[in-house]
C-alpha atoms as a PDB file:
ATOM      1  CA  UNK A   1      23.000  43.594 -11.673  1.00  0.00           C
ATOM      2  CA  UNK A   2      20.138  41.211 -12.295  1.00  0.00           C
ATOM      3  CA  UNK A   3      18.956  38.835  -9.580  1.00  0.00           C
ATOM      4  CA  UNK A   4      20.585  35.755 -11.124  1.00  0.00           C
ATOM      5  CA  UNK A   5      23.991  37.436 -11.188  1.00  0.00           C
ATOM      6  CA  UNK A   6      23.508  38.522  -7.579  1.00  0.00           C
ATOM      7  CA  UNK A   7      22.546  34.970  -6.568  1.00  0.00           C
ATOM      8  CA  UNK A   8      25.734  33.571  -8.125  1.00  0.00           C
ATOM      9  CA  UNK A   9      27.946  36.138  -6.404  1.00  0.00           C
ATOM     10  CA  UNK A  10      26.239  35.608  -3.045  1.00  0.00           C
ATOM     11  CA  UNK A  11      26.446  31.827  -3.286  1.00  0.00           C
ATOM     12  CA  UNK A  12      30.192  31.969  -3.972  1.00  0.00           C
ATOM     13  CA  UNK A  13      30.652  34.277  -0.981  1.00  0.00           C
ATOM     14  CA  UNK A  14      28.486  32.222   1.388  1.00  0.00           C
ATOM     15  CA  UNK A  15      30.361  28.980   0.672  1.00  0.00           C
ATOM     16  CA  UNK A  16      33.493  30.494   2.200  1.00  0.00           C
ATOM     17  CA  UNK A  17      31.855  32.463   5.015  1.00  0.00           C
ATOM     18  CA  UNK A  18      32.997  31.582   8.541  1.00  0.00           C
ATOM     19  CA  UNK A  19      31.509  32.819  11.806  1.00  0.00           C
ATOM     20  CA  UNK A  20      32.806  31.748  15.224  1.00  0.00           C
ATOM     21  CA  UNK A  21      34.715  28.948  13.529  1.00  0.00           C
ATOM     22  CA  UNK A  22      31.656  27.559  11.728  1.00  0.00           C
ATOM     23  CA  UNK A  23      31.534  27.157   7.962  1.00  0.00           C
ATOM     24  CA  UNK A  24      28.605  25.844   5.930  1.00  0.00           C
ATOM     25  CA  UNK A  25      28.250  22.183   5.056  1.00  0.00           C
ATOM     26  CA  UNK A  26      25.578  22.943   2.451  1.00  0.00           C
ATOM     27  CA  UNK A  27      24.415  26.215   0.889  1.00  0.00           C
ATOM     28  CA  UNK A  28      21.378  27.143  -1.183  1.00  0.00           C
ATOM     29  CA  UNK A  29      20.892  30.641  -2.587  1.00  0.00           C
ATOM     30  CA  UNK A  30      17.830  31.238  -4.757  1.00  0.00           C
ATOM     31  CA  UNK A  31      15.657  34.076  -5.999  1.00  0.00           C
ATOM     32  CA  UNK A  32      12.379  34.181  -4.098  1.00  0.00           C
ATOM     33  CA  UNK A  33       9.500  32.816  -6.096  1.00  0.00           C
ATOM     34  CA  UNK A  34       7.184  35.354  -4.464  1.00  0.00           C
ATOM     35  CA  UNK A  35       9.058  38.670  -4.565  1.00  0.00           C
ATOM     36  CA  UNK A  36      11.189  39.954  -7.448  1.00  0.00           C
ATOM     37  CA  UNK A  37      13.698  41.735  -5.190  1.00  0.00           C
ATOM     38  CA  UNK A  38      14.190  39.044  -2.519  1.00  0.00           C
ATOM     39  CA  UNK A  39      16.949  36.437  -2.376  1.00  0.00           C
ATOM     40  CA  UNK A  40      16.656  33.438  -0.074  1.00  0.00           C
ATOM     41  CA  UNK A  41      19.823  32.180   1.584  1.00  0.00           C
ATOM     42  CA  UNK A  42      19.828  28.833   3.416  1.00  0.00           C
ATOM     43  CA  UNK A  43      22.862  27.354   5.161  1.00  0.00           C
ATOM     44  CA  UNK A  44      23.324  23.976   6.845  1.00  0.00           C
ATOM     45  CA  UNK A  45      25.948  24.199   9.575  1.00  0.00           C
ATOM     46  CA  UNK A  46      26.056  20.453  10.182  1.00  0.00           C
ATOM     47  CA  UNK A  47      27.068  19.535  13.719  1.00  0.00           C
ATOM     48  CA  UNK A  48      28.500  22.974  14.510  1.00  0.00           C
ATOM     49  CA  UNK A  49      27.845  24.309  18.004  1.00  0.00           C
ATOM     50  CA  UNK A  50      27.330  27.862  16.703  1.00  0.00           C
ATOM     51  CA  UNK A  51      23.896  29.411  17.274  1.00  0.00           C
ATOM     52  CA  UNK A  52      22.196  29.218  13.845  1.00  0.00           C
ATOM     53  CA  UNK A  53      20.278  32.462  14.411  1.00  0.00           C
ATOM     54  CA  UNK A  54      23.470  34.368  15.238  1.00  0.00           C
ATOM     55  CA  UNK A  55      25.186  32.818  12.213  1.00  0.00           C
ATOM     56  CA  UNK A  56      22.321  33.853   9.909  1.00  0.00           C
ATOM     57  CA  UNK A  57      22.375  37.428  11.216  1.00  0.00           C
ATOM     58  CA  UNK A  58      26.151  37.686  10.790  1.00  0.00           C
ATOM     59  CA  UNK A  59      25.965  36.153   7.315  1.00  0.00           C
ATOM     60  CA  UNK A  60      23.272  38.535   6.110  1.00  0.00           C
ATOM     61  CA  UNK A  61      25.166  41.548   7.446  1.00  0.00           C
ATOM     62  CA  UNK A  62      28.363  40.346   5.756  1.00  0.00           C
ATOM     63  CA  UNK A  63      26.607  39.768   2.416  1.00  0.00           C
ATOM     64  CA  UNK A  64      25.142  43.281   2.516  1.00  0.00           C
ATOM     65  CA  UNK A  65      28.563  44.731   3.325  1.00  0.00           C
ATOM     66  CA  UNK A  66      30.905  42.623   1.189  1.00  0.00           C
ATOM     67  CA  UNK A  67      28.985  41.485  -1.913  1.00  0.00           C
ATOM     68  CA  UNK A  68      28.540  44.518  -4.142  1.00  0.00           C
ATOM     69  CA  UNK A  69      26.244  42.555  -6.480  1.00  0.00           C
ATOM     70  CA  UNK A  70      23.786  42.192  -3.576  1.00  0.00           C
ATOM     71  CA  UNK A  71      23.018  45.908  -3.454  1.00  0.00           C
ATOM     72  CA  UNK A  72      19.333  46.665  -3.959  1.00  0.00           C
ATOM     73  CA  UNK A  73      18.081  43.250  -2.914  1.00  0.00           C
ATOM     74  CA  UNK A  74      16.372  42.063   0.276  1.00  0.00           C
ATOM     75  CA  UNK A  75      17.199  38.762   1.960  1.00  0.00           C
ATOM     76  CA  UNK A  76      15.528  35.947   3.826  1.00  0.00           C
ATOM     77  CA  UNK A  77      18.444  34.237   5.527  1.00  0.00           C
ATOM     78  CA  UNK A  78      18.196  30.990   7.499  1.00  0.00           C
ATOM     79  CA  UNK A  79      20.829  28.772   9.036  1.00  0.00           C
ATOM     80  CA  UNK A  80      20.273  25.337  10.535  1.00  0.00           C
ATOM     81  CA  UNK A  81      22.505  23.111  12.606  1.00  0.00           C
ATOM     82  CA  UNK A  82      22.366  19.869  14.515  1.00  0.00           C
END
């Protein structure tokens, strides 16, 4: 799988990902401009009370486990909330 195909599959997965009742308000998944095997995942949790760091860790683990197209790539995952 090329990186663009992996990005599309990951983005579709992330849009529906829920952790401790929180779902993303906005999602951006992009290939890193610096590294050819790194995908950057950014999630806005809006006004959710969920810890963004815990959400990001859970999301990255879930992507690695559930998105077969993500195999072989590294991730920089960040979540933000109010």
